[in-house]
Amino acid sequence: EMDSDSARIEILPLILEMATDLVPNIRFNVAKELQSMAHACGVSAYESQVLPVLNMLLEDEDRDVRFYAEKAATALDEAFA
């Protein structure tokens, strides 16, 4: 289990950077990974970093990216409500 500081400082920036990759499979894996690691990053990182990227992915041109972004956004919305 990764501690929240490591997740937020070391891993999250790498994942967020891949959200603009040209390959749709990379982008939908970003949504999936954000869903699984947002809890470890904490509510502050979720609101300031994860949520804006998920909102961008919700508007993606690729249907699969939008699907996984919606799935992640719904799950995280419930978790952080």
PDB file of N, CA and C in Angstrom:
ATOM      1  N   GLU A   1       0.846  -1.193   0.000  1.00  0.00           N
ATOM      2  CA  GLU A   1       0.000   0.000   0.000  1.00  0.00           C
ATOM      3  C   GLU A   1       0.882   1.245   0.000  1.00  0.00           C
ATOM      4  N   MET A   2       0.589   2.149  -0.887  1.00  0.00           N
ATOM      5  CA  MET A   2       1.372   3.376  -1.015  1.00  0.00           C
ATOM      6  C   MET A   2       0.800   4.451  -0.097  1.00  0.00           C
ATOM      7  N   ASP A   3       1.697   5.204   0.541  1.00  0.00           N
ATOM      8  CA  ASP A   3       1.194   6.286   1.382  1.00  0.00           C
ATOM      9  C   ASP A   3       0.750   7.454   0.507  1.00  0.00           C
ATOM     10  N   SER A   4      -0.087   8.314   1.071  1.00  0.00           N
ATOM     11  CA  SER A   4      -0.715   9.368   0.272  1.00  0.00           C
ATOM     12  C   SER A   4       0.279  10.382  -0.267  1.00  0.00           C
ATOM     13  N   ASP A   5       1.331  10.675   0.478  1.00  0.00           N
ATOM     14  CA  ASP A   5       2.325  11.627  -0.024  1.00  0.00           C
ATOM     15  C   ASP A   5       3.027  11.090  -1.264  1.00  0.00           C
ATOM     16  N   SER A   6       3.424   9.828  -1.233  1.00  0.00           N
ATOM     17  CA  SER A   6       4.084   9.230  -2.396  1.00  0.00           C
ATOM     18  C   SER A   6       3.151   9.184  -3.592  1.00  0.00           C
ATOM     19  N   ALA A   7       1.913   8.798  -3.355  1.00  0.00           N
ATOM     20  CA  ALA A   7       0.935   8.727  -4.437  1.00  0.00           C
ATOM     21  C   ALA A   7       0.734  10.098  -5.063  1.00  0.00           C
ATOM     22  N   ARG A   8       0.566  11.105  -4.226  1.00  0.00           N
ATOM     23  CA  ARG A   8       0.261  12.454  -4.701  1.00  0.00           C
ATOM     24  C   ARG A   8       1.464  13.113  -5.367  1.00  0.00           C
ATOM     25  N   ILE A   9       2.647  12.911  -4.811  1.00  0.00           N
ATOM     26  CA  ILE A   9       3.828  13.632  -5.278  1.00  0.00           C
ATOM     27  C   ILE A   9       4.542  12.908  -6.421  1.00  0.00           C
ATOM     28  N   GLU A  10       4.593  11.585  -6.360  1.00  0.00           N
ATOM     29  CA  GLU A  10       5.378  10.841  -7.336  1.00  0.00           C
ATOM     30  C   GLU A  10       4.554  10.246  -8.468  1.00  0.00           C
ATOM     31  N   ILE A  11       3.424   9.661  -8.158  1.00  0.00           N
ATOM     32  CA  ILE A  11       2.658   8.913  -9.157  1.00  0.00           C
ATOM     33  C   ILE A  11       1.626   9.780  -9.869  1.00  0.00           C
ATOM     34  N   LEU A  12       0.865  10.556  -9.121  1.00  0.00           N
ATOM     35  CA  LEU A  12      -0.224  11.338  -9.710  1.00  0.00           C
ATOM     36  C   LEU A  12       0.234  12.239 -10.866  1.00  0.00           C
ATOM     37  N   PRO A  13       1.335  12.988 -10.723  1.00  0.00           N
ATOM     38  CA  PRO A  13       1.745  13.847 -11.848  1.00  0.00           C
ATOM     39  C   PRO A  13       2.027  13.064 -13.136  1.00  0.00           C
ATOM     40  N   LEU A  14       2.577  11.869 -13.015  1.00  0.00           N
ATOM     41  CA  LEU A  14       2.846  11.047 -14.198  1.00  0.00           C
ATOM     42  C   LEU A  14       1.554  10.631 -14.881  1.00  0.00           C
ATOM     43  N   ILE A  15       0.572  10.250 -14.085  1.00  0.00           N
ATOM     44  CA  ILE A  15      -0.712   9.820 -14.639  1.00  0.00           C
ATOM     45  C   ILE A  15      -1.438  11.002 -15.269  1.00  0.00           C
ATOM     46  N   LEU A  16      -1.444  12.139 -14.585  1.00  0.00           N
ATOM     47  CA  LEU A  16      -2.126  13.313 -15.122  1.00  0.00           C
ATOM     48  C   LEU A  16      -1.508  13.761 -16.441  1.00  0.00           C
ATOM     49  N   GLU A  17      -0.213  13.632 -16.539  1.00  0.00           N
ATOM     50  CA  GLU A  17       0.489  14.016 -17.771  1.00  0.00           C
ATOM     51  C   GLU A  17       0.038  13.170 -18.963  1.00  0.00           C
ATOM     52  N   MET A  18      -0.298  11.910 -18.716  1.00  0.00           N
ATOM     53  CA  MET A  18      -0.717  11.005 -19.792  1.00  0.00           C
ATOM     54  C   MET A  18      -2.154  11.256 -20.238  1.00  0.00           C
ATOM     55  N   ALA A  19      -2.879  12.116 -19.541  1.00  0.00           N
ATOM     56  CA  ALA A  19      -4.277  12.376 -19.890  1.00  0.00           C
ATOM     57  C   ALA A  19      -4.428  13.044 -21.251  1.00  0.00           C
ATOM     58  N   THR A  20      -3.359  13.641 -21.748  1.00  0.00           N
ATOM     59  CA  THR A  20      -3.420  14.308 -23.054  1.00  0.00           C
ATOM     60  C   THR A  20      -2.692  13.509 -24.130  1.00  0.00           C
ATOM     61  N   ASP A  21      -2.375  12.271 -23.844  1.00  0.00           N
ATOM     62  CA  ASP A  21      -1.711  11.417 -24.832  1.00  0.00           C
ATOM     63  C   ASP A  21      -2.572  11.297 -26.088  1.00  0.00           C
ATOM     64  N   LEU A  22      -1.924  11.122 -27.227  1.00  0.00           N
ATOM     65  CA  LEU A  22      -2.647  11.002 -28.490  1.00  0.00           C
ATOM     66  C   LEU A  22      -3.388   9.673 -28.618  1.00  0.00           C
ATOM     67  N   VAL A  23      -2.965   8.670 -27.858  1.00  0.00           N
ATOM     68  CA  VAL A  23      -3.549   7.331 -27.969  1.00  0.00           C
ATOM     69  C   VAL A  23      -4.736   7.197 -27.002  1.00  0.00           C
ATOM     70  N   PRO A  24      -5.949   6.931 -27.533  1.00  0.00           N
ATOM     71  CA  PRO A  24      -7.126   6.815 -26.669  1.00  0.00           C
ATOM     72  C   PRO A  24      -6.971   5.774 -25.560  1.00  0.00           C
ATOM     73  N   ASN A  25      -6.323   4.641 -25.845  1.00  0.00           N
ATOM     74  CA  ASN A  25      -6.155   3.608 -24.813  1.00  0.00           C
ATOM     75  C   ASN A  25      -5.360   4.121 -23.624  1.00  0.00           C
ATOM     76  N   ILE A  26      -4.409   4.988 -23.869  1.00  0.00           N
ATOM     77  CA  ILE A  26      -3.649   5.595 -22.765  1.00  0.00           C
ATOM     78  C   ILE A  26      -4.584   6.479 -21.949  1.00  0.00           C
ATOM     79  N   ARG A  27      -5.390   7.288 -22.633  1.00  0.00           N
ATOM     80  CA  ARG A  27      -6.285   8.211 -21.935  1.00  0.00           C
ATOM     81  C   ARG A  27      -7.329   7.472 -21.111  1.00  0.00           C
ATOM     82  N   PHE A  28      -7.907   6.387 -21.632  1.00  0.00           N
ATOM     83  CA  PHE A  28      -8.907   5.704 -20.805  1.00  0.00           C
ATOM     84  C   PHE A  28      -8.260   4.961 -19.652  1.00  0.00           C
ATOM     85  N   ASN A  29      -7.019   4.549 -19.812  1.00  0.00           N
ATOM     86  CA  ASN A  29      -6.315   3.950 -18.674  1.00  0.00           C
ATOM     87  C   ASN A  29      -5.985   4.996 -17.620  1.00  0.00           C
ATOM     88  N   VAL A  30      -5.809   6.242 -18.023  1.00  0.00           N
ATOM     89  CA  VAL A  30      -5.639   7.332 -17.057  1.00  0.00           C
ATOM     90  C   VAL A  30      -6.892   7.437 -16.188  1.00  0.00           C
ATOM     91  N   ALA A  31      -8.066   7.405 -16.816  1.00  0.00           N
ATOM     92  CA  ALA A  31      -9.319   7.488 -16.056  1.00  0.00           C
ATOM     93  C   ALA A  31      -9.429   6.328 -15.077  1.00  0.00           C
ATOM     94  N   LYS A  32      -9.106   5.127 -15.539  1.00  0.00           N
ATOM     95  CA  LYS A  32      -9.186   3.949 -14.667  1.00  0.00           C
ATOM     96  C   LYS A  32      -8.217   4.070 -13.490  1.00  0.00           C
ATOM     97  N   GLU A  33      -7.020   4.520 -13.777  1.00  0.00           N
ATOM     98  CA  GLU A  33      -6.001   4.642 -12.731  1.00  0.00           C
ATOM     99  C   GLU A  33      -6.361   5.750 -11.742  1.00  0.00           C
ATOM    100  N   LEU A  34      -6.899   6.845 -12.242  1.00  0.00           N
ATOM    101  CA  LEU A  34      -7.320   7.922 -11.339  1.00  0.00           C
ATOM    102  C   LEU A  34      -8.395   7.428 -10.382  1.00  0.00           C
ATOM    103  N   GLN A  35      -9.293   6.603 -10.892  1.00  0.00           N
ATOM    104  CA  GLN A  35     -10.340   6.046 -10.031  1.00  0.00           C
ATOM    105  C   GLN A  35      -9.729   5.199  -8.922  1.00  0.00           C
ATOM    106  N   SER A  36      -8.743   4.394  -9.267  1.00  0.00           N
ATOM    107  CA  SER A  36      -8.190   3.480  -8.262  1.00  0.00           C
ATOM    108  C   SER A  36      -7.245   4.163  -7.282  1.00  0.00           C
ATOM    109  N   MET A  37      -6.628   5.277  -7.671  1.00  0.00           N
ATOM    110  CA  MET A  37      -5.635   5.875  -6.764  1.00  0.00           C
ATOM    111  C   MET A  37      -6.086   7.173  -6.113  1.00  0.00           C
ATOM    112  N   ALA A  38      -7.230   7.702  -6.485  1.00  0.00           N
ATOM    113  CA  ALA A  38      -7.660   8.989  -5.930  1.00  0.00           C
ATOM    114  C   ALA A  38      -7.779   8.948  -4.412  1.00  0.00           C
ATOM    115  N   HIS A  39      -8.242   7.816  -3.884  1.00  0.00           N
ATOM    116  CA  HIS A  39      -8.389   7.690  -2.427  1.00  0.00           C
ATOM    117  C   HIS A  39      -7.043   7.873  -1.727  1.00  0.00           C
ATOM    118  N   ALA A  40      -5.994   7.296  -2.314  1.00  0.00           N
ATOM    119  CA  ALA A  40      -4.667   7.393  -1.710  1.00  0.00           C
ATOM    120  C   ALA A  40      -4.130   8.816  -1.758  1.00  0.00           C
ATOM    121  N   CYS A  41      -4.601   9.602  -2.726  1.00  0.00           N
ATOM    122  CA  CYS A  41      -4.107  10.973  -2.877  1.00  0.00           C
ATOM    123  C   CYS A  41      -4.806  11.958  -1.951  1.00  0.00           C
ATOM    124  N   GLY A  42      -6.009  11.613  -1.517  1.00  0.00           N
ATOM    125  CA  GLY A  42      -6.732  12.481  -0.602  1.00  0.00           C
ATOM    126  C   GLY A  42      -7.677  13.443  -1.296  1.00  0.00           C
ATOM    127  N   VAL A  43      -8.552  14.040  -0.503  1.00  0.00           N
ATOM    128  CA  VAL A  43      -9.617  14.891  -1.046  1.00  0.00           C
ATOM    129  C   VAL A  43      -9.078  16.166  -1.689  1.00  0.00           C
ATOM    130  N   SER A  44      -8.035  16.730  -1.147  1.00  0.00           N
ATOM    131  CA  SER A  44      -7.477  17.963  -1.702  1.00  0.00           C
ATOM    132  C   SER A  44      -6.943  17.746  -3.113  1.00  0.00           C
ATOM    133  N   ALA A  45      -6.158  16.685  -3.292  1.00  0.00           N
ATOM    134  CA  ALA A  45      -5.623  16.367  -4.622  1.00  0.00           C
ATOM    135  C   ALA A  45      -6.747  15.968  -5.567  1.00  0.00           C
ATOM    136  N   TYR A  46      -7.750  15.290  -5.040  1.00  0.00           N
ATOM    137  CA  TYR A  46      -8.903  14.919  -5.869  1.00  0.00           C
ATOM    138  C   TYR A  46      -9.567  16.170  -6.441  1.00  0.00           C
ATOM    139  N   GLU A  47      -9.842  17.127  -5.578  1.00  0.00           N
ATOM    140  CA  GLU A  47     -10.543  18.331  -6.016  1.00  0.00           C
ATOM    141  C   GLU A  47      -9.693  19.212  -6.913  1.00  0.00           C
ATOM    142  N   SER A  48      -8.412  19.341  -6.613  1.00  0.00           N
ATOM    143  CA  SER A  48      -7.574  20.283  -7.357  1.00  0.00           C
ATOM    144  C   SER A  48      -6.919  19.691  -8.601  1.00  0.00           C
ATOM    145  N   GLN A  49      -6.685  18.371  -8.624  1.00  0.00           N
ATOM    146  CA  GLN A  49      -5.947  17.778  -9.737  1.00  0.00           C
ATOM    147  C   GLN A  49      -6.726  16.696 -10.483  1.00  0.00           C
ATOM    148  N   VAL A  50      -7.334  15.784  -9.751  1.00  0.00           N
ATOM    149  CA  VAL A  50      -7.999  14.643 -10.386  1.00  0.00           C
ATOM    150  C   VAL A  50      -9.283  15.065 -11.082  1.00  0.00           C
ATOM    151  N   LEU A  51     -10.124  15.799 -10.386  1.00  0.00           N
ATOM    152  CA  LEU A  51     -11.423  16.176 -10.930  1.00  0.00           C
ATOM    153  C   LEU A  51     -11.318  16.986 -12.224  1.00  0.00           C
ATOM    154  N   PRO A  52     -10.436  17.995 -12.302  1.00  0.00           N
ATOM    155  CA  PRO A  52     -10.325  18.726 -13.574  1.00  0.00           C
ATOM    156  C   PRO A  52      -9.923  17.835 -14.750  1.00  0.00           C
ATOM    157  N   VAL A  53      -9.054  16.876 -14.506  1.00  0.00           N
ATOM    158  CA  VAL A  53      -8.629  15.973 -15.582  1.00  0.00           C
ATOM    159  C   VAL A  53      -9.773  15.034 -15.967  1.00  0.00           C
ATOM    160  N   LEU A  54     -10.485  14.517 -14.975  1.00  0.00           N
ATOM    161  CA  LEU A  54     -11.638  13.671 -15.292  1.00  0.00           C
ATOM    162  C   LEU A  54     -12.676  14.449 -16.100  1.00  0.00           C
ATOM    163  N   ASN A  55     -12.903  15.696 -15.741  1.00  0.00           N
ATOM    164  CA  ASN A  55     -13.860  16.515 -16.492  1.00  0.00           C
ATOM    165  C   ASN A  55     -13.406  16.704 -17.939  1.00  0.00           C
ATOM    166  N   MET A  56     -12.102  16.863 -18.140  1.00  0.00           N
ATOM    167  CA  MET A  56     -11.566  16.963 -19.500  1.00  0.00           C
ATOM    168  C   MET A  56     -11.797  15.652 -20.250  1.00  0.00           C
ATOM    169  N   LEU A  57     -11.549  14.519 -19.587  1.00  0.00           N
ATOM    170  CA  LEU A  57     -11.721  13.215 -20.233  1.00  0.00           C
ATOM    171  C   LEU A  57     -13.196  12.918 -20.524  1.00  0.00           C
ATOM    172  N   LEU A  58     -14.096  13.492 -19.743  1.00  0.00           N
ATOM    173  CA  LEU A  58     -15.528  13.319 -19.999  1.00  0.00           C
ATOM    174  C   LEU A  58     -15.943  13.945 -21.334  1.00  0.00           C
ATOM    175  N   GLU A  59     -15.141  14.895 -21.815  1.00  0.00           N
ATOM    176  CA  GLU A  59     -15.419  15.574 -23.083  1.00  0.00           C
ATOM    177  C   GLU A  59     -14.572  15.013 -24.228  1.00  0.00           C
ATOM    178  N   ASP A  60     -13.869  13.930 -23.986  1.00  0.00           N
ATOM    179  CA  ASP A  60     -12.953  13.365 -24.975  1.00  0.00           C
ATOM    180  C   ASP A  60     -13.690  12.962 -26.252  1.00  0.00           C
ATOM    181  N   GLU A  61     -12.972  13.008 -27.364  1.00  0.00           N
ATOM    182  CA  GLU A  61     -13.567  12.613 -28.654  1.00  0.00           C
ATOM    183  C   GLU A  61     -13.796  11.103 -28.739  1.00  0.00           C
ATOM    184  N   ASP A  62     -13.075  10.337 -27.947  1.00  0.00           N
ATOM    185  CA  ASP A  62     -13.164   8.878 -28.016  1.00  0.00           C
ATOM    186  C   ASP A  62     -14.238   8.355 -27.053  1.00  0.00           C
ATOM    187  N   ARG A  63     -15.105   7.516 -27.554  1.00  0.00           N
ATOM    188  CA  ARG A  63     -16.219   6.965 -26.769  1.00  0.00           C
ATOM    189  C   ARG A  63     -15.733   6.171 -25.557  1.00  0.00           C
ATOM    190  N   ASP A  64     -14.703   5.355 -25.735  1.00  0.00           N
ATOM    191  CA  ASP A  64     -14.202   4.540 -24.622  1.00  0.00           C
ATOM    192  C   ASP A  64     -13.597   5.409 -23.523  1.00  0.00           C
ATOM    193  N   VAL A  65     -12.905   6.461 -23.907  1.00  0.00           N
ATOM    194  CA  VAL A  65     -12.334   7.377 -22.911  1.00  0.00           C
ATOM    195  C   VAL A  65     -13.464   8.003 -22.093  1.00  0.00           C
ATOM    196  N   ARG A  66     -14.504   8.459 -22.780  1.00  0.00           N
ATOM    197  CA  ARG A  66     -15.653   9.052 -22.072  1.00  0.00           C
ATOM    198  C   ARG A  66     -16.311   8.039 -21.147  1.00  0.00           C
ATOM    199  N   PHE A  67     -16.430   6.790 -21.598  1.00  0.00           N
ATOM    200  CA  PHE A  67     -17.045   5.735 -20.782  1.00  0.00           C
ATOM    201  C   PHE A  67     -16.285   5.543 -19.471  1.00  0.00           C
ATOM    202  N   TYR A  68     -14.965   5.367 -19.557  1.00  0.00           N
ATOM    203  CA  TYR A  68     -14.174   5.130 -18.342  1.00  0.00           C
ATOM    204  C   TYR A  68     -14.073   6.380 -17.473  1.00  0.00           C
ATOM    205  N   ALA A  69     -14.073   7.542 -18.093  1.00  0.00           N
ATOM    206  CA  ALA A  69     -14.061   8.779 -17.313  1.00  0.00           C
ATOM    207  C   ALA A  69     -15.366   8.927 -16.536  1.00  0.00           C
ATOM    208  N   GLU A  70     -16.478   8.584 -17.172  1.00  0.00           N
ATOM    209  CA  GLU A  70     -17.782   8.650 -16.511  1.00  0.00           C
ATOM    210  C   GLU A  70     -17.854   7.661 -15.351  1.00  0.00           C
ATOM    211  N   LYS A  71     -17.353   6.467 -15.584  1.00  0.00           N
ATOM    212  CA  LYS A  71     -17.329   5.437 -14.542  1.00  0.00           C
ATOM    213  C   LYS A  71     -16.497   5.906 -13.342  1.00  0.00           C
ATOM    214  N   ALA A  72     -15.327   6.468 -13.629  1.00  0.00           N
ATOM    215  CA  ALA A  72     -14.452   6.957 -12.562  1.00  0.00           C
ATOM    216  C   ALA A  72     -15.077   8.143 -11.842  1.00  0.00           C
ATOM    217  N   ALA A  73     -15.630   9.074 -12.608  1.00  0.00           N
ATOM    218  CA  ALA A  73     -16.223  10.271 -12.007  1.00  0.00           C
ATOM    219  C   ALA A  73     -17.384   9.906 -11.090  1.00  0.00           C
ATOM    220  N   THR A  74     -18.210   8.968 -11.515  1.00  0.00           N
ATOM    221  CA  THR A  74     -19.352   8.535 -10.702  1.00  0.00           C
ATOM    222  C   THR A  74     -18.882   7.886  -9.409  1.00  0.00           C
ATOM    223  N   ALA A  75     -17.927   6.980  -9.514  1.00  0.00           N
ATOM    224  CA  ALA A  75     -17.422   6.280  -8.327  1.00  0.00           C
ATOM    225  C   ALA A  75     -16.758   7.251  -7.352  1.00  0.00           C
ATOM    226  N   LEU A  76     -15.966   8.174  -7.886  1.00  0.00           N
ATOM    227  CA  LEU A  76     -15.248   9.112  -7.019  1.00  0.00           C
ATOM    228  C   LEU A  76     -16.182  10.159  -6.428  1.00  0.00           C
ATOM    229  N   ASP A  77     -17.187  10.542  -7.189  1.00  0.00           N
ATOM    230  CA  ASP A  77     -18.177  11.491  -6.673  1.00  0.00           C
ATOM    231  C   ASP A  77     -18.858  10.916  -5.449  1.00  0.00           C
ATOM    232  N   GLU A  78     -19.186   9.643  -5.515  1.00  0.00           N
ATOM    233  CA  GLU A  78     -19.808   8.965  -4.362  1.00  0.00           C
ATOM    234  C   GLU A  78     -18.817   8.826  -3.200  1.00  0.00           C
ATOM    235  N   ALA A  79     -17.575   8.514  -3.528  1.00  0.00           N
ATOM    236  CA  ALA A  79     -16.564   8.288  -2.490  1.00  0.00           C
ATOM    237  C   ALA A  79     -16.199   9.573  -1.752  1.00  0.00           C
ATOM    238  N   PHE A  80     -16.170  10.691  -2.483  1.00  0.00           N
ATOM    239  CA  PHE A  80     -15.744  11.953  -1.867  1.00  0.00           C
ATOM    240  C   PHE A  80     -16.905  12.856  -1.493  1.00  0.00           C
ATOM    241  N   ALA A  81     -18.142  12.363  -1.640  1.00  0.00           N
ATOM    242  CA  ALA A  81     -19.324  13.185  -1.334  1.00  0.00           C
ATOM    243  C   ALA A  81     -19.423  13.463   0.155  1.00  0.00           C
TER     244      ALA A  81
END
